[in-house]
Amino acid sequence: MSDSNYRLRETREYLGLDGDAVFDQTGIAPERLVAIESDGSATDIELQRLSRLYGYTVSYLEGTEDRFDDSRVEFLARWVEELSEEDRAEAIRFAHYLQAPSRQER
């Protein structure tokens, strides 16, 4: 298993996301996610979607960049683990809202 395959699975598991949660947020089917995590066959679009969902750069997920050290992100990830699937999905939607271009331009 390459570093990128390991990082993809490790990051998803760390965030407490299962295949269904990833599908709900990215449209990547659970079966496809298993393939991506086992053989590294992600397309650029799939990597971008996973990057947005996981909150890590594509470079990190590909294994070409080290993870940044931000204790606030670590705290949020631990906090999200305790939420129900429905609440976790809502938190992800809110994070996407906060990252929307119209909010960044303010």
N, C-alpha and C. Protein backbone atom coordinates (compact mmCIF):
# COMPACT_ATOMS: atom_id res chain seq x y z
N MET A 1 0.86 -1.18 0.00
CA MET A 1 0.00 0.00 0.00
C MET A 1 0.90 1.23 0.00
N SER A 2 0.63 2.17 -0.89
CA SER A 2 1.44 3.38 -0.96
C SER A 2 1.06 4.34 0.16
N ASP A 3 1.91 5.33 0.35
CA ASP A 3 1.66 6.33 1.39
C ASP A 3 0.35 7.05 1.15
N SER A 4 0.03 7.36 -0.12
CA SER A 4 -1.21 8.07 -0.40
C SER A 4 -2.43 7.21 -0.10
N ASN A 5 -2.38 5.92 -0.43
CA ASN A 5 -3.50 5.04 -0.13
C ASN A 5 -3.72 4.98 1.37
N TYR A 6 -2.61 4.83 2.10
CA TYR A 6 -2.68 4.76 3.56
C TYR A 6 -3.25 6.07 4.12
N ARG A 7 -2.79 7.19 3.60
CA ARG A 7 -3.27 8.48 4.10
C ARG A 7 -4.75 8.67 3.84
N LEU A 8 -5.21 8.25 2.68
CA LEU A 8 -6.64 8.38 2.38
C LEU A 8 -7.48 7.61 3.38
N ARG A 9 -7.14 6.36 3.60
CA ARG A 9 -7.91 5.54 4.55
C ARG A 9 -7.72 6.03 5.98
N GLU A 10 -6.48 6.32 6.35
CA GLU A 10 -6.20 6.77 7.71
C GLU A 10 -6.96 8.05 8.04
N THR A 11 -6.97 8.99 7.11
CA THR A 11 -7.65 10.27 7.32
C THR A 11 -9.15 10.07 7.46
N ARG A 12 -9.73 9.26 6.58
CA ARG A 12 -11.18 8.99 6.66
C ARG A 12 -11.53 8.35 7.99
N GLU A 13 -10.75 7.36 8.40
CA GLU A 13 -11.02 6.67 9.65
C GLU A 13 -10.82 7.59 10.85
N TYR A 14 -9.79 8.42 10.79
CA TYR A 14 -9.53 9.37 11.87
C TYR A 14 -10.71 10.32 12.06
N LEU A 15 -11.31 10.73 10.95
CA LEU A 15 -12.45 11.64 11.01
C LEU A 15 -13.75 10.92 11.36
N GLY A 16 -13.68 9.60 11.45
CA GLY A 16 -14.86 8.82 11.83
C GLY A 16 -15.90 8.70 10.73
N LEU A 17 -15.45 8.76 9.49
CA LEU A 17 -16.37 8.69 8.36
C LEU A 17 -16.39 7.29 7.78
N ASP A 18 -17.57 6.79 7.48
CA ASP A 18 -17.67 5.52 6.78
C ASP A 18 -17.97 5.79 5.31
N GLY A 19 -18.04 4.74 4.52
CA GLY A 19 -18.27 4.89 3.08
C GLY A 19 -19.56 5.60 2.75
N ASP A 20 -20.60 5.37 3.53
CA ASP A 20 -21.87 6.03 3.27
C ASP A 20 -21.79 7.54 3.52
N ALA A 21 -21.10 7.94 4.58
CA ALA A 21 -20.94 9.36 4.88
C ALA A 21 -20.13 10.06 3.78
N VAL A 22 -19.09 9.39 3.30
CA VAL A 22 -18.28 9.95 2.21
C VAL A 22 -19.14 10.08 0.95
N PHE A 23 -19.94 9.06 0.66
CA PHE A 23 -20.83 9.10 -0.50
C PHE A 23 -21.81 10.27 -0.40
N ASP A 24 -22.41 10.44 0.78
CA ASP A 24 -23.39 11.52 0.97
C ASP A 24 -22.79 12.89 0.69
N GLN A 25 -21.51 13.07 1.01
CA GLN A 25 -20.89 14.38 0.87
C GLN A 25 -20.14 14.58 -0.45
N THR A 26 -19.72 13.48 -1.08
CA THR A 26 -18.88 13.61 -2.29
C THR A 26 -19.46 12.96 -3.53
N GLY A 27 -20.40 12.04 -3.35
CA GLY A 27 -20.92 11.29 -4.48
C GLY A 27 -20.04 10.12 -4.88
N ILE A 28 -18.96 9.87 -4.12
CA ILE A 28 -18.08 8.74 -4.40
C ILE A 28 -18.67 7.51 -3.71
N ALA A 29 -19.06 6.51 -4.51
CA ALA A 29 -19.70 5.31 -3.98
C ALA A 29 -18.75 4.56 -3.04
N PRO A 30 -19.30 3.91 -2.00
CA PRO A 30 -18.46 3.16 -1.06
C PRO A 30 -17.53 2.16 -1.75
N GLU A 31 -18.02 1.48 -2.79
CA GLU A 31 -17.19 0.50 -3.49
C GLU A 31 -16.02 1.18 -4.19
N ARG A 32 -16.28 2.36 -4.74
CA ARG A 32 -15.22 3.13 -5.40
C ARG A 32 -14.20 3.62 -4.37
N LEU A 33 -14.68 4.03 -3.21
CA LEU A 33 -13.80 4.50 -2.15
C LEU A 33 -12.85 3.38 -1.71
N VAL A 34 -13.37 2.16 -1.59
CA VAL A 34 -12.52 1.01 -1.24
C VAL A 34 -11.42 0.84 -2.29
N ALA A 35 -11.79 0.96 -3.57
CA ALA A 35 -10.81 0.82 -4.64
C ALA A 35 -9.75 1.92 -4.57
N ILE A 36 -10.20 3.15 -4.35
CA ILE A 36 -9.27 4.28 -4.25
C ILE A 36 -8.29 4.05 -3.11
N GLU A 37 -8.81 3.62 -1.96
CA GLU A 37 -7.96 3.43 -0.80
C GLU A 37 -7.04 2.22 -0.92
N SER A 38 -7.38 1.28 -1.78
CA SER A 38 -6.53 0.09 -1.90
C SER A 38 -5.54 0.18 -3.05
N ASP A 39 -5.90 0.87 -4.15
CA ASP A 39 -4.98 0.90 -5.29
C ASP A 39 -4.56 2.30 -5.72
N GLY A 40 -5.05 3.34 -5.03
CA GLY A 40 -4.63 4.70 -5.35
C GLY A 40 -5.11 5.21 -6.68
N SER A 41 -6.24 4.72 -7.15
CA SER A 41 -6.72 5.04 -8.50
C SER A 41 -7.62 6.28 -8.55
N ALA A 42 -7.53 7.15 -7.57
CA ALA A 42 -8.42 8.32 -7.54
C ALA A 42 -8.13 9.27 -8.70
N THR A 43 -9.20 9.78 -9.28
CA THR A 43 -9.07 10.82 -10.30
C THR A 43 -8.79 12.15 -9.61
N ASP A 44 -8.41 13.15 -10.36
CA ASP A 44 -8.18 14.48 -9.79
C ASP A 44 -9.44 15.02 -9.13
N ILE A 45 -10.57 14.80 -9.76
CA ILE A 45 -11.85 15.29 -9.21
C ILE A 45 -12.16 14.58 -7.90
N GLU A 46 -11.95 13.26 -7.85
CA GLU A 46 -12.20 12.52 -6.61
C GLU A 46 -11.28 13.01 -5.49
N LEU A 47 -10.02 13.23 -5.81
CA LEU A 47 -9.09 13.75 -4.80
C LEU A 47 -9.51 15.13 -4.30
N GLN A 48 -9.98 15.97 -5.20
CA GLN A 48 -10.44 17.30 -4.79
C GLN A 48 -11.65 17.20 -3.86
N ARG A 49 -12.57 16.30 -4.18
CA ARG A 49 -13.76 16.12 -3.33
C ARG A 49 -13.37 15.59 -1.95
N LEU A 50 -12.48 14.60 -1.94
CA LEU A 50 -12.04 14.05 -0.66
C LEU A 50 -11.26 15.09 0.14
N SER A 51 -10.47 15.89 -0.54
CA SER A 51 -9.71 16.94 0.12
C SER A 51 -10.63 17.93 0.82
N ARG A 52 -11.67 18.36 0.13
CA ARG A 52 -12.63 19.30 0.73
C ARG A 52 -13.33 18.66 1.92
N LEU A 53 -13.75 17.43 1.78
CA LEU A 53 -14.46 16.76 2.86
C LEU A 53 -13.57 16.52 4.06
N TYR A 54 -12.35 16.05 3.82
CA TYR A 54 -11.45 15.69 4.92
C TYR A 54 -10.76 16.90 5.55
N GLY A 55 -10.71 18.00 4.81
CA GLY A 55 -10.05 19.18 5.34
C GLY A 55 -8.53 19.13 5.24
N TYR A 56 -8.02 18.36 4.30
CA TYR A 56 -6.58 18.26 4.05
C TYR A 56 -6.32 18.57 2.58
N THR A 57 -5.12 19.04 2.29
CA THR A 57 -4.78 19.35 0.91
C THR A 57 -4.67 18.08 0.07
N VAL A 58 -4.85 18.24 -1.22
CA VAL A 58 -4.65 17.12 -2.14
C VAL A 58 -3.22 16.61 -2.01
N SER A 59 -2.27 17.53 -1.88
CA SER A 59 -0.86 17.14 -1.75
C SER A 59 -0.64 16.25 -0.53
N TYR A 60 -1.30 16.57 0.57
CA TYR A 60 -1.18 15.71 1.76
C TYR A 60 -1.76 14.33 1.47
N LEU A 61 -2.96 14.31 0.89
CA LEU A 61 -3.61 13.03 0.62
C LEU A 61 -2.82 12.19 -0.38
N GLU A 62 -2.11 12.84 -1.30
CA GLU A 62 -1.28 12.13 -2.27
C GLU A 62 0.05 11.66 -1.67
N GLY A 63 0.37 12.16 -0.49
CA GLY A 63 1.61 11.76 0.17
C GLY A 63 2.81 12.61 -0.20
N THR A 64 2.57 13.76 -0.85
CA THR A 64 3.70 14.61 -1.25
C THR A 64 3.92 15.78 -0.31
N GLU A 65 3.09 15.91 0.72
CA GLU A 65 3.19 17.01 1.68
C GLU A 65 2.89 16.47 3.07
N ASP A 66 3.62 16.95 4.05
CA ASP A 66 3.33 16.57 5.43
C ASP A 66 2.12 17.32 5.93
N ARG A 67 1.48 16.72 6.91
CA ARG A 67 0.31 17.34 7.50
C ARG A 67 0.73 18.55 8.34
N PHE A 68 -0.07 19.60 8.28
CA PHE A 68 0.23 20.75 9.11
C PHE A 68 -0.16 20.45 10.55
N ASP A 69 0.45 21.14 11.47
CA ASP A 69 0.18 20.92 12.88
C ASP A 69 -0.74 22.03 13.37
N ASP A 70 -1.98 21.71 13.59
CA ASP A 70 -2.94 22.69 14.07
C ASP A 70 -3.83 22.01 15.10
N SER A 71 -3.61 22.30 16.36
CA SER A 71 -4.34 21.63 17.43
C SER A 71 -5.83 21.91 17.36
N ARG A 72 -6.22 23.03 16.73
CA ARG A 72 -7.66 23.31 16.61
C ARG A 72 -8.34 22.28 15.72
N VAL A 73 -7.66 21.88 14.65
CA VAL A 73 -8.22 20.87 13.76
C VAL A 73 -8.30 19.52 14.49
N GLU A 74 -7.27 19.20 15.24
CA GLU A 74 -7.26 17.95 16.01
C GLU A 74 -8.45 17.93 16.98
N PHE A 75 -8.68 19.04 17.65
CA PHE A 75 -9.80 19.14 18.59
C PHE A 75 -11.13 18.91 17.88
N LEU A 76 -11.31 19.58 16.74
CA LEU A 76 -12.56 19.43 16.00
C LEU A 76 -12.79 17.99 15.55
N ALA A 77 -11.74 17.35 15.09
CA ALA A 77 -11.88 15.96 14.63
C ALA A 77 -12.29 15.06 15.79
N ARG A 78 -11.70 15.25 16.95
CA ARG A 78 -12.08 14.43 18.12
C ARG A 78 -13.52 14.73 18.52
N TRP A 79 -13.92 15.99 18.47
CA TRP A 79 -15.27 16.39 18.84
C TRP A 79 -16.30 15.78 17.90
N VAL A 80 -16.01 15.80 16.61
CA VAL A 80 -16.94 15.29 15.61
C VAL A 80 -17.15 13.78 15.77
N GLU A 81 -16.14 13.07 16.25
CA GLU A 81 -16.27 11.62 16.43
C GLU A 81 -17.44 11.26 17.33
N GLU A 82 -17.79 12.15 18.26
CA GLU A 82 -18.84 11.86 19.24
C GLU A 82 -20.24 12.18 18.72
N LEU A 83 -20.34 12.77 17.53
CA LEU A 83 -21.64 13.14 16.98
C LEU A 83 -22.30 11.95 16.28
N SER A 84 -23.62 12.03 16.17
CA SER A 84 -24.35 11.05 15.38
C SER A 84 -24.01 11.27 13.91
N GLU A 85 -24.31 10.28 13.07
CA GLU A 85 -24.05 10.42 11.63
C GLU A 85 -24.78 11.64 11.06
N GLU A 86 -26.01 11.84 11.49
CA GLU A 86 -26.79 12.97 11.00
C GLU A 86 -26.16 14.30 11.42
N ASP A 87 -25.75 14.40 12.68
CA ASP A 87 -25.12 15.63 13.16
C ASP A 87 -23.76 15.84 12.50
N ARG A 88 -23.03 14.75 12.24
CA ARG A 88 -21.74 14.85 11.57
C ARG A 88 -21.91 15.40 10.16
N ALA A 89 -22.92 14.91 9.46
CA ALA A 89 -23.20 15.40 8.11
C ALA A 89 -23.57 16.88 8.15
N GLU A 90 -24.33 17.29 9.16
CA GLU A 90 -24.70 18.70 9.30
C GLU A 90 -23.47 19.56 9.58
N ALA A 91 -22.55 19.07 10.41
CA ALA A 91 -21.32 19.80 10.70
C ALA A 91 -20.48 19.96 9.43
N ILE A 92 -20.45 18.94 8.60
CA ILE A 92 -19.71 19.01 7.34
C ILE A 92 -20.36 20.03 6.41
N ARG A 93 -21.69 20.02 6.34
CA ARG A 93 -22.38 21.01 5.49
C ARG A 93 -22.07 22.43 5.98
N PHE A 94 -22.04 22.62 7.30
CA PHE A 94 -21.74 23.93 7.85
C PHE A 94 -20.30 24.35 7.52
N ALA A 95 -19.38 23.42 7.59
CA ALA A 95 -17.98 23.72 7.24
C ALA A 95 -17.89 24.14 5.78
N HIS A 96 -18.63 23.46 4.91
CA HIS A 96 -18.63 23.85 3.50
C HIS A 96 -19.23 25.24 3.32
N TYR A 97 -20.26 25.53 4.08
CA TYR A 97 -20.85 26.87 4.04
C TYR A 97 -19.82 27.92 4.43
N LEU A 98 -19.07 27.66 5.49
CA LEU A 98 -18.06 28.62 5.95
C LEU A 98 -16.95 28.83 4.92
N GLN A 99 -16.71 27.82 4.08
CA GLN A 99 -15.67 27.92 3.08
C GLN A 99 -16.17 28.47 1.75
N ALA A 100 -17.46 28.74 1.63
CA ALA A 100 -18.04 29.21 0.37
C ALA A 100 -17.39 30.52 -0.06
N PRO A 101 -17.18 30.69 -1.35
CA PRO A 101 -16.52 31.91 -1.86
C PRO A 101 -17.15 33.20 -1.38
N SER A 102 -18.46 33.26 -1.28
CA SER A 102 -19.11 34.52 -0.89
C SER A 102 -18.71 34.92 0.53
N ARG A 103 -18.43 33.95 1.38
CA ARG A 103 -18.01 34.27 2.76
C ARG A 103 -16.53 34.65 2.77
N GLN A 104 -15.72 34.06 1.91
CA GLN A 104 -14.29 34.34 1.90
C GLN A 104 -14.01 35.74 1.38
N GLU A 105 -14.87 36.29 0.56
CA GLU A 105 -14.64 37.60 -0.03
C GLU A 105 -14.97 38.72 0.94
N ARG A 106 -15.64 38.43 2.02
CA ARG A 106 -16.05 39.47 2.98
C ARG A 106 -14.90 39.98 3.80
